[in-house]
Amino acid sequence: MDTPATAGEQLRQLRRDAKLSQLDLALMTGVSQRHLSCIETGRAKPSAGTLHHLLTALQTPLERCNHVFLAAGFAPRYPATPLAAPGMAAIREALDHVLHANNPAPAILIGSQWDVLAANASAGLLFELVGIQPTALDGLNLLATLLQPGGLGDHLVNGEEIRSLAWQRAAREALGNPGLAALLANLPAPASTQLPQELPPLVLTRVHSRHGELNFLSTFTTFGMPQDITLTSLRIEHLIPADEATWQVMRAAYAEYAALVL
């Protein structure tokens, strides 16, 4: 059985992954290079404050930070609070506001394993426009529906391109996410994970619909300065119409929905 890495060994690996020398990190943090060397080799034990300072400078994911704190003999510093917890009420309100403010453009809230946690009305309307029941959003895993036959990926004009980009992003995220790694291992890889040598400045999500091709720009909203593991994993994907024809279709669909529901 492998011996768990010490805090110093983990710090050294994180520093090397960031392609920083000891001198670079010392200059960034104000921790002397000599003391940093002693921490990495185990000749000195860092205080919790110094450890926090170094990990912050290395932009270490919060879950990984907890592993380093434990290895150094400290309690985990960052919680993973359920989104439904009372203390997350302000977070839920903020998420709801951003989702609904995006109408008539679709927006979906995605968790750490690409599960759809919430969506605005326009996301459901887009599913209807491509011939998928909007109830399919409940419990949907975005990565699975892009990669598996019969899913959303089959309704994309540029399905292989989007599948390749999604696979590459998920593979990077899976390096520090065992749950996502297990999911990815059970999904079919795209026919090719190689992208064309020349790509446009921004790859559009191009969708087959009963109104013809719809084109969307994809942007993401994340929380700034999160101090909770749950919050670091959340992102809202905004699908912003990329042309006037797509705007017209989404505006008309949302106006019809609003007249019936709102």
Protein backbone atom coordinates (compact mmCIF):
# COMPACT_ATOMS: atom_id res chain seq x y z
CA MET A 1 0.00 0.00 0.00
CA ASP A 2 1.31 3.44 -0.91
CA THR A 3 2.07 5.76 1.98
CA PRO A 4 -0.13 8.89 1.78
CA ALA A 5 1.87 11.89 0.62
CA THR A 6 2.93 14.30 3.33
CA ALA A 7 1.78 17.90 3.26
CA GLY A 8 5.23 18.97 2.06
CA GLU A 9 5.26 16.43 -0.75
CA GLN A 10 1.80 17.55 -1.86
CA LEU A 11 2.86 21.20 -1.81
CA ARG A 12 5.91 20.40 -3.90
CA GLN A 13 3.79 18.55 -6.45
CA LEU A 14 1.25 21.39 -6.59
CA ARG A 15 4.07 23.90 -7.09
CA ARG A 16 5.56 21.81 -9.89
CA ASP A 17 2.14 21.37 -11.51
CA ALA A 18 1.86 25.17 -11.50
CA LYS A 19 5.31 25.32 -13.15
CA LEU A 20 6.70 27.51 -10.39
CA SER A 21 10.13 27.33 -8.81
CA GLN A 22 10.57 27.60 -5.05
CA LEU A 23 11.86 31.12 -5.62
CA ASP A 24 8.77 32.01 -7.67
CA LEU A 25 6.42 30.83 -4.92
CA ALA A 26 8.53 32.49 -2.23
CA LEU A 27 8.32 35.84 -4.03
CA MET A 28 4.55 35.44 -4.52
CA THR A 29 3.82 34.64 -0.87
CA GLY A 30 6.53 36.31 1.17
CA VAL A 31 7.53 32.93 2.63
CA SER A 32 11.29 32.60 2.44
CA GLN A 33 12.68 30.13 -0.07
CA ARG A 34 14.62 28.42 2.70
CA HIS A 35 11.50 27.93 4.83
CA LEU A 36 9.54 26.73 1.80
CA SER A 37 12.27 24.18 1.06
CA CYS A 38 12.11 22.96 4.66
CA ILE A 39 8.31 22.60 4.45
CA GLU A 40 8.50 20.61 1.23
CA THR A 41 11.14 18.24 2.59
CA GLY A 42 9.40 17.80 5.94
CA ARG A 43 12.09 19.50 8.01
CA ALA A 44 9.62 22.17 9.07
CA LYS A 45 5.90 22.03 9.77
CA PRO A 46 3.92 24.96 8.36
CA SER A 47 1.36 26.79 10.45
CA ALA A 48 -2.25 26.62 9.26
CA GLY A 49 -1.94 30.25 8.15
CA THR A 50 1.20 29.64 6.10
CA LEU A 51 -0.35 26.55 4.55
CA HIS A 52 -3.45 28.52 3.60
CA HIS A 53 -1.29 31.28 2.10
CA LEU A 54 0.71 28.84 -0.03
CA LEU A 55 -2.32 26.89 -1.23
CA THR A 56 -4.15 30.09 -2.15
CA ALA A 57 -1.19 31.32 -4.17
CA LEU A 58 -1.11 27.97 -5.99
CA GLN A 59 -4.84 28.29 -6.75
CA THR A 60 -5.40 24.85 -5.29
CA PRO A 61 -8.93 23.39 -5.53
CA LEU A 62 -10.60 23.53 -2.10
CA GLU A 63 -11.10 19.77 -1.85
CA ARG A 64 -7.39 19.25 -2.49
CA CYS A 65 -6.63 21.92 0.12
CA ASN A 66 -8.49 19.84 2.69
CA HIS A 67 -6.27 16.82 1.89
CA VAL A 68 -3.16 18.93 2.44
CA PHE A 69 -4.46 20.33 5.74
CA LEU A 70 -5.24 16.81 6.96
CA ALA A 71 -1.78 15.60 5.96
CA ALA A 72 -0.30 18.48 7.97
CA GLY A 73 -2.30 17.50 11.06
CA PHE A 74 -5.01 20.17 10.81
CA ALA A 75 -8.76 19.84 10.48
CA PRO A 76 -10.23 20.28 6.98
CA ARG A 77 -10.75 23.97 6.37
CA TYR A 78 -13.44 23.99 3.67
CA PRO A 79 -16.94 22.50 4.04
CA ALA A 80 -19.14 21.04 1.31
CA THR A 81 -22.52 22.42 2.28
CA PRO A 82 -25.58 20.93 0.53
CA LEU A 83 -27.19 23.46 -1.78
CA ALA A 84 -30.53 22.83 -0.04
CA ALA A 85 -29.14 23.76 3.39
CA PRO A 86 -30.75 26.80 5.12
CA GLY A 87 -27.43 28.63 5.14
CA MET A 88 -27.35 28.51 1.31
CA ALA A 89 -30.61 30.45 0.88
CA ALA A 90 -28.86 33.55 -0.48
CA ILE A 91 -26.91 31.37 -2.92
CA ARG A 92 -30.09 29.72 -4.19
CA GLU A 93 -31.75 33.11 -4.64
CA ALA A 94 -28.75 34.37 -6.61
CA LEU A 95 -28.76 31.30 -8.83
CA ASP A 96 -32.49 31.60 -9.44
CA HIS A 97 -32.09 35.28 -10.32
CA VAL A 98 -29.31 34.62 -12.85
CA LEU A 99 -31.16 31.71 -14.46
CA HIS A 100 -34.41 33.60 -14.92
CA ALA A 101 -32.74 36.86 -15.95
CA ASN A 102 -31.32 34.98 -18.93
CA ASN A 103 -34.77 34.35 -20.49
CA PRO A 104 -35.54 34.15 -23.37
CA ALA A 105 -32.07 32.63 -23.78
CA PRO A 106 -31.60 29.15 -22.24
CA ALA A 107 -29.53 28.75 -19.07
CA ILE A 108 -28.81 25.68 -16.95
CA LEU A 109 -27.13 25.13 -13.58
CA ILE A 110 -24.57 22.33 -13.69
CA GLY A 111 -22.94 20.51 -10.76
CA SER A 112 -19.49 18.95 -10.38
CA GLN A 113 -20.45 15.78 -12.26
CA TRP A 114 -22.30 17.64 -15.03
CA ASP A 115 -25.73 16.98 -13.50
CA VAL A 116 -28.36 19.57 -14.39
CA LEU A 117 -29.46 20.97 -11.01
CA ALA A 118 -31.81 23.68 -12.30
CA ALA A 119 -32.76 25.42 -15.53
CA ASN A 120 -34.77 28.38 -16.71
CA ALA A 121 -37.96 28.13 -18.76
CA SER A 122 -36.12 28.79 -22.03
CA ALA A 123 -33.94 25.70 -21.56
CA GLY A 124 -37.08 23.59 -21.45
CA LEU A 125 -38.44 25.41 -24.49
CA LEU A 126 -35.24 24.67 -26.41
CA PHE A 127 -35.66 20.98 -25.62
CA GLU A 128 -39.19 21.15 -27.00
CA LEU A 129 -37.95 22.86 -30.15
CA VAL A 130 -35.52 20.02 -30.85
CA GLY A 131 -38.15 17.34 -30.15
CA ILE A 132 -37.16 16.32 -26.60
CA GLN A 133 -39.65 16.46 -23.76
CA PRO A 134 -38.58 19.21 -21.32
CA THR A 135 -39.22 16.84 -18.40
CA ALA A 136 -36.00 15.16 -19.56
CA LEU A 137 -34.17 18.01 -17.82
CA ASP A 138 -35.11 16.52 -14.44
CA GLY A 139 -32.13 14.43 -13.35
CA LEU A 140 -30.37 14.93 -16.68
CA ASN A 141 -26.61 14.49 -16.84
CA LEU A 142 -25.38 16.88 -19.51
CA LEU A 143 -22.22 14.92 -20.26
CA ALA A 144 -24.12 11.65 -20.68
CA THR A 145 -26.76 13.16 -22.97
CA LEU A 146 -24.04 14.68 -25.15
CA LEU A 147 -22.00 11.48 -25.47
CA GLN A 148 -24.57 8.67 -25.45
CA PRO A 149 -26.46 7.71 -28.63
CA GLY A 150 -30.03 8.98 -28.61
CA GLY A 151 -29.22 11.95 -26.40
CA LEU A 152 -28.96 15.66 -26.98
CA GLY A 153 -25.73 15.20 -28.92
CA ASP A 154 -27.69 13.60 -31.78
CA HIS A 155 -29.66 16.86 -32.20
CA LEU A 156 -26.54 18.99 -32.75
CA VAL A 157 -25.47 20.06 -36.22
CA ASN A 158 -21.83 19.96 -35.04
CA GLY A 159 -22.27 17.05 -32.67
CA GLU A 160 -18.81 15.55 -33.06
CA GLU A 161 -17.15 18.90 -32.45
CA ILE A 162 -19.16 19.53 -29.27
CA ARG A 163 -18.64 15.95 -28.08
CA SER A 164 -14.86 16.30 -28.51
CA LEU A 165 -14.78 19.59 -26.59
CA ALA A 166 -17.01 18.21 -23.81
CA TRP A 167 -14.86 15.06 -23.52
CA GLN A 168 -11.64 17.07 -23.26
CA ARG A 169 -13.06 19.40 -20.62
CA ALA A 170 -14.54 16.54 -18.58
CA ALA A 171 -11.26 14.59 -18.78
CA ARG A 172 -9.38 17.58 -17.32
CA GLU A 173 -11.94 18.04 -14.54
CA ALA A 174 -11.93 14.29 -13.78
CA LEU A 175 -8.27 14.45 -12.73
CA GLY A 176 -9.40 15.90 -9.38
CA ASN A 177 -12.94 14.51 -9.31
CA PRO A 178 -13.24 10.73 -8.72
CA GLY A 179 -17.01 10.74 -9.23
CA LEU A 180 -16.70 12.40 -12.62
CA ALA A 181 -13.83 10.06 -13.54
CA ALA A 182 -16.08 7.05 -12.81
CA LEU A 183 -18.87 8.53 -14.91
CA LEU A 184 -16.52 9.27 -17.81
CA ALA A 185 -15.16 5.73 -17.72
CA ASN A 186 -18.67 4.39 -18.41
CA LEU A 187 -19.48 6.75 -21.28
CA PRO A 188 -18.58 6.22 -24.94
CA ALA A 189 -15.68 8.33 -26.13
CA PRO A 190 -16.37 10.47 -29.21
CA ALA A 191 -15.31 9.04 -32.54
CA SER A 192 -12.37 11.45 -32.46
CA THR A 193 -11.05 13.58 -29.62
CA GLN A 194 -8.84 15.50 -32.04
CA LEU A 195 -10.13 18.93 -33.01
CA PRO A 196 -9.39 20.63 -36.33
CA GLN A 197 -6.13 22.56 -36.38
CA GLU A 198 -7.99 25.76 -37.23
CA LEU A 199 -10.97 26.66 -35.05
CA PRO A 200 -13.09 29.82 -35.01
CA PRO A 201 -12.63 32.27 -32.12
CA LEU A 202 -15.65 30.68 -30.43
CA VAL A 203 -17.25 27.31 -31.24
CA LEU A 204 -21.03 27.65 -31.54
CA THR A 205 -23.56 25.15 -30.28
CA ARG A 206 -25.57 24.50 -33.45
CA VAL A 207 -28.91 22.78 -32.92
CA HIS A 208 -31.40 21.08 -35.27
CA SER A 209 -34.93 22.30 -34.49
CA ARG A 210 -38.34 22.33 -36.11
CA HIS A 211 -37.59 25.95 -37.07
CA GLY A 212 -34.33 25.03 -38.75
CA GLU A 213 -30.82 25.47 -37.37
CA LEU A 214 -30.46 27.44 -34.14
CA ASN A 215 -27.04 28.82 -33.19
CA PHE A 216 -25.87 29.66 -29.66
CA LEU A 217 -22.81 31.15 -28.00
CA SER A 218 -21.91 29.41 -24.75
CA THR A 219 -20.72 31.34 -21.68
CA PHE A 220 -20.39 30.32 -18.03
CA THR A 221 -21.10 32.07 -14.73
CA THR A 222 -19.31 30.91 -11.58
CA PHE A 223 -19.09 32.29 -8.06
CA GLY A 224 -16.19 34.59 -7.28
CA MET A 225 -14.03 33.78 -4.23
CA PRO A 226 -15.94 30.65 -3.09
CA GLN A 227 -14.96 29.22 0.29
CA ASP A 228 -17.18 26.14 0.09
CA ILE A 229 -16.52 23.05 -2.04
CA THR A 230 -20.12 22.93 -3.25
CA LEU A 231 -19.90 26.46 -4.60
CA THR A 232 -16.64 25.83 -6.46
CA SER A 233 -18.35 23.08 -8.47
CA LEU A 234 -21.39 25.08 -9.59
CA ARG A 235 -21.57 26.81 -12.95
CA ILE A 236 -24.37 28.25 -15.01
CA GLU A 237 -24.12 27.71 -18.75
CA HIS A 238 -25.76 30.46 -20.77
CA LEU A 239 -26.73 29.63 -24.34
CA ILE A 240 -26.95 33.04 -25.97
CA PRO A 241 -28.48 33.21 -29.46
CA ALA A 242 -25.72 33.90 -31.98
CA ASP A 243 -27.90 35.41 -34.71
CA GLU A 244 -31.17 37.30 -35.15
CA ALA A 245 -33.05 34.26 -36.47
CA THR A 246 -32.26 32.30 -33.31
CA TRP A 247 -33.24 35.27 -31.14
CA GLN A 248 -36.57 35.49 -32.95
CA VAL A 249 -37.33 31.81 -32.39
CA MET A 250 -36.44 31.94 -28.69
CA ARG A 251 -38.31 35.22 -28.11
CA ALA A 252 -41.44 33.86 -29.76
CA ALA A 253 -41.30 30.59 -27.81
CA TYR A 254 -40.81 32.41 -24.51
CA ALA A 255 -43.58 34.94 -25.25
CA GLU A 256 -46.00 32.08 -25.90
CA TYR A 257 -44.89 30.34 -22.70
CA ALA A 258 -45.21 33.58 -20.67
CA ALA A 259 -48.71 34.22 -21.99
CA LEU A 260 -49.83 30.80 -20.75
CA VAL A 261 -47.94 30.57 -17.45
CA LEU A 262 -46.89 33.98 -16.16
